[in-house]
């Protein structure tokens, strides 16, 4: 009887196991009237905090009263190392605007100014690749009234999108 009960219960545990997904989502919008590319990157707070602790400061805490004043500096440094953009084959400079927390995510805001037109858009996004081998970075763009999406993985870290 105990054996039968165990055989019935074990499969239930298989379906209740929590599977952790390692993803970030980056939304890129080109506002032609402002000559601006606005970028919002959403990353799970716990993943980013773990990375910042391993890379910069073991005691760093994101969100809440315990957040250190160096958090924005570390986030900006990391994003500038891991996100590279070329517009019309020319490297673009990313400006870190700031961040905000939304439940279990941190939204990081970046901007590229002085963009008159976009014919090609190349992005390399290696966020959290140095932490998780199964990390996926979803890139969603809205450029010249066209929407395009790509998924970047450690084996395929960049994408070239054409907007002719």
C-alpha atoms as a PDB file:
ATOM      1  CA  UNK A   1       0.000   0.000   0.000  1.00  0.00           C
ATOM      2  CA  UNK A   2       2.818   2.425   0.857  1.00  0.00           C
ATOM      3  CA  UNK A   3       4.509   1.604  -2.420  1.00  0.00           C
ATOM      4  CA  UNK A   4       1.352   2.406  -4.373  1.00  0.00           C
ATOM      5  CA  UNK A   5       0.962   5.698  -2.525  1.00  0.00           C
ATOM      6  CA  UNK A   6       4.562   6.658  -3.270  1.00  0.00           C
ATOM      7  CA  UNK A   7       4.134   5.803  -6.947  1.00  0.00           C
ATOM      8  CA  UNK A   8       1.083   8.052  -7.103  1.00  0.00           C
ATOM      9  CA  UNK A   9       2.692  10.987  -5.285  1.00  0.00           C
ATOM     10  CA  UNK A  10       6.116  11.116  -6.995  1.00  0.00           C
ATOM     11  CA  UNK A  11       4.749  12.206 -10.408  1.00  0.00           C
ATOM     12  CA  UNK A  12       2.979  15.135  -8.749  1.00  0.00           C
ATOM     13  CA  UNK A  13       6.307  16.516  -7.582  1.00  0.00           C
ATOM     14  CA  UNK A  14       7.618  16.479 -11.147  1.00  0.00           C
ATOM     15  CA  UNK A  15       4.879  18.897 -12.217  1.00  0.00           C
ATOM     16  CA  UNK A  16       5.285  21.242  -9.275  1.00  0.00           C
ATOM     17  CA  UNK A  17       9.035  21.752  -9.612  1.00  0.00           C
ATOM     18  CA  UNK A  18       9.844  25.383 -10.342  1.00  0.00           C
ATOM     19  CA  UNK A  19      11.852  25.919 -13.494  1.00  0.00           C
ATOM     20  CA  UNK A  20      13.898  29.115 -13.595  1.00  0.00           C
ATOM     21  CA  UNK A  21      14.082  30.867 -16.933  1.00  0.00           C
ATOM     22  CA  UNK A  22      16.948  33.206 -17.673  1.00  0.00           C
ATOM     23  CA  UNK A  23      15.699  35.944 -19.976  1.00  0.00           C
ATOM     24  CA  UNK A  24      15.836  39.663 -20.450  1.00  0.00           C
ATOM     25  CA  UNK A  25      13.624  41.715 -22.738  1.00  0.00           C
ATOM     26  CA  UNK A  26      14.894  44.832 -24.467  1.00  0.00           C
ATOM     27  CA  UNK A  27      12.458  47.158 -26.238  1.00  0.00           C
ATOM     28  CA  UNK A  28      13.985  49.596 -28.746  1.00  0.00           C
ATOM     29  CA  UNK A  29      11.904  52.463 -30.145  1.00  0.00           C
ATOM     30  CA  UNK A  30      13.067  55.027 -32.693  1.00  0.00           C
ATOM     31  CA  UNK A  31      11.377  58.406 -32.290  1.00  0.00           C
ATOM     32  CA  UNK A  32      12.214  60.135 -35.542  1.00  0.00           C
ATOM     33  CA  UNK A  33      10.687  63.471 -34.518  1.00  0.00           C
ATOM     34  CA  UNK A  34      13.052  63.553 -31.504  1.00  0.00           C
ATOM     35  CA  UNK A  35      15.959  61.960 -33.390  1.00  0.00           C
ATOM     36  CA  UNK A  36      16.211  59.563 -30.479  1.00  0.00           C
ATOM     37  CA  UNK A  37      16.474  55.813 -29.945  1.00  0.00           C
ATOM     38  CA  UNK A  38      14.920  54.908 -26.607  1.00  0.00           C
ATOM     39  CA  UNK A  39      15.827  51.589 -25.030  1.00  0.00           C
ATOM     40  CA  UNK A  40      14.173  49.820 -22.111  1.00  0.00           C
ATOM     41  CA  UNK A  41      15.834  46.665 -20.806  1.00  0.00           C
ATOM     42  CA  UNK A  42      13.954  44.471 -18.335  1.00  0.00           C
ATOM     43  CA  UNK A  43      16.054  42.145 -16.172  1.00  0.00           C
ATOM     44  CA  UNK A  44      15.051  40.049 -13.170  1.00  0.00           C
ATOM     45  CA  UNK A  45      16.256  41.849 -10.038  1.00  0.00           C
ATOM     46  CA  UNK A  46      17.704  38.734  -8.415  1.00  0.00           C
ATOM     47  CA  UNK A  47      19.729  37.842 -11.529  1.00  0.00           C
ATOM     48  CA  UNK A  48      21.145  41.356 -11.909  1.00  0.00           C
ATOM     49  CA  UNK A  49      21.921  41.577  -8.192  1.00  0.00           C
ATOM     50  CA  UNK A  50      23.746  38.235  -8.309  1.00  0.00           C
ATOM     51  CA  UNK A  51      25.792  39.413 -11.286  1.00  0.00           C
ATOM     52  CA  UNK A  52      26.687  42.752  -9.693  1.00  0.00           C
ATOM     53  CA  UNK A  53      27.784  40.952  -6.519  1.00  0.00           C
ATOM     54  CA  UNK A  54      30.048  38.593  -8.445  1.00  0.00           C
ATOM     55  CA  UNK A  55      31.475  41.282 -10.684  1.00  0.00           C
ATOM     56  CA  UNK A  56      31.743  44.456  -8.602  1.00  0.00           C
ATOM     57  CA  UNK A  57      30.663  44.357  -4.952  1.00  0.00           C
ATOM     58  CA  UNK A  58      29.728  41.315  -2.843  1.00  0.00           C
ATOM     59  CA  UNK A  59      27.567  43.423  -0.531  1.00  0.00           C
ATOM     60  CA  UNK A  60      25.461  45.216  -3.144  1.00  0.00           C
ATOM     61  CA  UNK A  61      21.696  45.159  -2.684  1.00  0.00           C
ATOM     62  CA  UNK A  62      19.187  46.326  -5.257  1.00  0.00           C
ATOM     63  CA  UNK A  63      15.817  47.797  -4.374  1.00  0.00           C
ATOM     64  CA  UNK A  64      14.683  49.121  -1.065  1.00  0.00           C
ATOM     65  CA  UNK A  65      16.329  51.158   1.680  1.00  0.00           C
ATOM     66  CA  UNK A  66      19.487  49.049   1.617  1.00  0.00           C
ATOM     67  CA  UNK A  67      20.357  49.880  -2.006  1.00  0.00           C
ATOM     68  CA  UNK A  68      23.826  51.401  -2.214  1.00  0.00           C
ATOM     69  CA  UNK A  69      24.439  54.649  -4.031  1.00  0.00           C
ATOM     70  CA  UNK A  70      26.898  52.806  -6.311  1.00  0.00           C
ATOM     71  CA  UNK A  71      24.162  50.577  -7.779  1.00  0.00           C
ATOM     72  CA  UNK A  72      23.386  52.907 -10.708  1.00  0.00           C
ATOM     73  CA  UNK A  73      27.100  53.299 -11.476  1.00  0.00           C
ATOM     74  CA  UNK A  74      27.593  49.522 -11.603  1.00  0.00           C
ATOM     75  CA  UNK A  75      24.456  48.965 -13.678  1.00  0.00           C
ATOM     76  CA  UNK A  76      25.473  51.674 -16.147  1.00  0.00           C
ATOM     77  CA  UNK A  77      28.992  50.258 -16.451  1.00  0.00           C
ATOM     78  CA  UNK A  78      27.686  46.731 -16.994  1.00  0.00           C
ATOM     79  CA  UNK A  79      25.081  47.721 -19.596  1.00  0.00           C
ATOM     80  CA  UNK A  80      27.650  49.765 -21.533  1.00  0.00           C
ATOM     81  CA  UNK A  81      29.962  46.740 -21.601  1.00  0.00           C
ATOM     82  CA  UNK A  82      27.273  44.262 -22.626  1.00  0.00           C
ATOM     83  CA  UNK A  83      25.049  46.187 -25.062  1.00  0.00           C
ATOM     84  CA  UNK A  84      26.681  47.438 -28.246  1.00  0.00           C
ATOM     85  CA  UNK A  85      24.734  49.140 -31.012  1.00  0.00           C
ATOM     86  CA  UNK A  86      25.708  50.238 -34.498  1.00  0.00           C
ATOM     87  CA  UNK A  87      23.349  52.438 -36.472  1.00  0.00           C
ATOM     88  CA  UNK A  88      24.057  52.590 -40.212  1.00  0.00           C
ATOM     89  CA  UNK A  89      27.402  50.817 -39.531  1.00  0.00           C
ATOM     90  CA  UNK A  90      28.470  53.488 -37.036  1.00  0.00           C
ATOM     91  CA  UNK A  91      28.959  52.680 -33.338  1.00  0.00           C
ATOM     92  CA  UNK A  92      26.412  54.485 -31.160  1.00  0.00           C
ATOM     93  CA  UNK A  93      26.948  55.910 -27.685  1.00  0.00           C
ATOM     94  CA  UNK A  94      24.434  54.754 -25.092  1.00  0.00           C
ATOM     95  CA  UNK A  95      23.392  57.130 -22.328  1.00  0.00           C
ATOM     96  CA  UNK A  96      22.090  55.579 -19.116  1.00  0.00           C
ATOM     97  CA  UNK A  97      18.971  57.526 -18.110  1.00  0.00           C
ATOM     98  CA  UNK A  98      18.069  55.583 -14.982  1.00  0.00           C
ATOM     99  CA  UNK A  99      16.147  52.616 -13.648  1.00  0.00           C
ATOM    100  CA  UNK A 100      12.985  51.695 -11.799  1.00  0.00           C
ATOM    101  CA  UNK A 101      11.689  48.568 -10.137  1.00  0.00           C
ATOM    102  CA  UNK A 102       8.518  46.775 -11.172  1.00  0.00           C
ATOM    103  CA  UNK A 103       7.623  43.788  -8.959  1.00  0.00           C
ATOM    104  CA  UNK A 104      10.537  41.373  -9.609  1.00  0.00           C
ATOM    105  CA  UNK A 105      12.063  43.288 -12.547  1.00  0.00           C
ATOM    106  CA  UNK A 106      14.395  46.208 -12.900  1.00  0.00           C
ATOM    107  CA  UNK A 107      13.703  48.407 -15.928  1.00  0.00           C
ATOM    108  CA  UNK A 108      16.838  50.145 -17.184  1.00  0.00           C
ATOM    109  CA  UNK A 109      16.441  53.116 -19.495  1.00  0.00           C
ATOM    110  CA  UNK A 110      19.030  54.024 -22.136  1.00  0.00           C
ATOM    111  CA  UNK A 111      19.006  56.511 -24.991  1.00  0.00           C
ATOM    112  CA  UNK A 112      20.905  57.287 -28.180  1.00  0.00           C
ATOM    113  CA  UNK A 113      20.490  60.906 -29.291  1.00  0.00           C
ATOM    114  CA  UNK A 114      21.065  62.644 -32.606  1.00  0.00           C
ATOM    115  CA  UNK A 115      19.847  59.819 -34.862  1.00  0.00           C
ATOM    116  CA  UNK A 116      18.508  61.373 -38.073  1.00  0.00           C
ATOM    117  CA  UNK A 117      17.602  58.147 -39.869  1.00  0.00           C
ATOM    118  CA  UNK A 118      18.035  54.402 -39.502  1.00  0.00           C
ATOM    119  CA  UNK A 119      18.683  52.102 -42.432  1.00  0.00           C
ATOM    120  CA  UNK A 120      20.514  49.383 -40.523  1.00  0.00           C
ATOM    121  CA  UNK A 121      20.543  48.563 -36.843  1.00  0.00           C
ATOM    122  CA  UNK A 122      23.058  46.123 -35.398  1.00  0.00           C
ATOM    123  CA  UNK A 123      22.783  45.074 -31.769  1.00  0.00           C
ATOM    124  CA  UNK A 124      24.918  42.875 -29.586  1.00  0.00           C
ATOM    125  CA  UNK A 125      23.313  42.079 -26.238  1.00  0.00           C
ATOM    126  CA  UNK A 126      25.355  39.888 -23.885  1.00  0.00           C
ATOM    127  CA  UNK A 127      23.456  40.683 -20.677  1.00  0.00           C
ATOM    128  CA  UNK A 128      23.888  37.863 -18.133  1.00  0.00           C
ATOM    129  CA  UNK A 129      25.686  35.587 -20.642  1.00  0.00           C
ATOM    130  CA  UNK A 130      28.632  35.584 -18.227  1.00  0.00           C
ATOM    131  CA  UNK A 131      26.332  34.286 -15.479  1.00  0.00           C
ATOM    132  CA  UNK A 132      23.975  31.823 -17.202  1.00  0.00           C
ATOM    133  CA  UNK A 133      24.811  29.580 -20.162  1.00  0.00           C
ATOM    134  CA  UNK A 134      21.098  29.275 -21.027  1.00  0.00           C
ATOM    135  CA  UNK A 135      20.389  33.022 -20.880  1.00  0.00           C
ATOM    136  CA  UNK A 136      18.198  34.415 -23.681  1.00  0.00           C
ATOM    137  CA  UNK A 137      17.944  38.097 -24.520  1.00  0.00           C
ATOM    138  CA  UNK A 138      14.822  39.032 -26.445  1.00  0.00           C
ATOM    139  CA  UNK A 139      15.148  42.164 -28.565  1.00  0.00           C
ATOM    140  CA  UNK A 140      11.990  43.894 -29.815  1.00  0.00           C
ATOM    141  CA  UNK A 141      12.312  46.899 -32.108  1.00  0.00           C
ATOM    142  CA  UNK A 142       9.974  49.494 -33.515  1.00  0.00           C
ATOM    143  CA  UNK A 143      11.955  51.435 -36.077  1.00  0.00           C
ATOM    144  CA  UNK A 144      10.573  53.355 -39.074  1.00  0.00           C
ATOM    145  CA  UNK A 145       7.073  52.013 -38.290  1.00  0.00           C
ATOM    146  CA  UNK A 146       8.371  48.442 -38.613  1.00  0.00           C
ATOM    147  CA  UNK A 147       8.400  45.946 -35.777  1.00  0.00           C
ATOM    148  CA  UNK A 148      11.078  43.260 -35.679  1.00  0.00           C
ATOM    149  CA  UNK A 149      12.171  40.836 -32.973  1.00  0.00           C
ATOM    150  CA  UNK A 150      15.154  38.572 -32.394  1.00  0.00           C
ATOM    151  CA  UNK A 151      16.352  36.292 -29.629  1.00  0.00           C
ATOM    152  CA  UNK A 152      20.038  36.415 -28.764  1.00  0.00           C
ATOM    153  CA  UNK A 153      21.770  33.520 -27.020  1.00  0.00           C
ATOM    154  CA  UNK A 154      25.410  32.958 -26.001  1.00  0.00           C
ATOM    155  CA  UNK A 155      26.077  31.185 -29.327  1.00  0.00           C
ATOM    156  CA  UNK A 156      24.457  34.020 -31.321  1.00  0.00           C
ATOM    157  CA  UNK A 157      25.122  37.312 -29.539  1.00  0.00           C
ATOM    158  CA  UNK A 158      24.224  39.863 -32.196  1.00  0.00           C
ATOM    159  CA  UNK A 159      21.744  40.648 -34.937  1.00  0.00           C
ATOM    160  CA  UNK A 160      21.672  42.972 -37.940  1.00  0.00           C
ATOM    161  CA  UNK A 161      18.282  44.411 -38.860  1.00  0.00           C
ATOM    162  CA  UNK A 162      17.652  46.303 -42.110  1.00  0.00           C
ATOM    163  CA  UNK A 163      15.119  49.129 -42.382  1.00  0.00           C
ATOM    164  CA  UNK A 164      15.317  50.300 -46.003  1.00  0.00           C
END
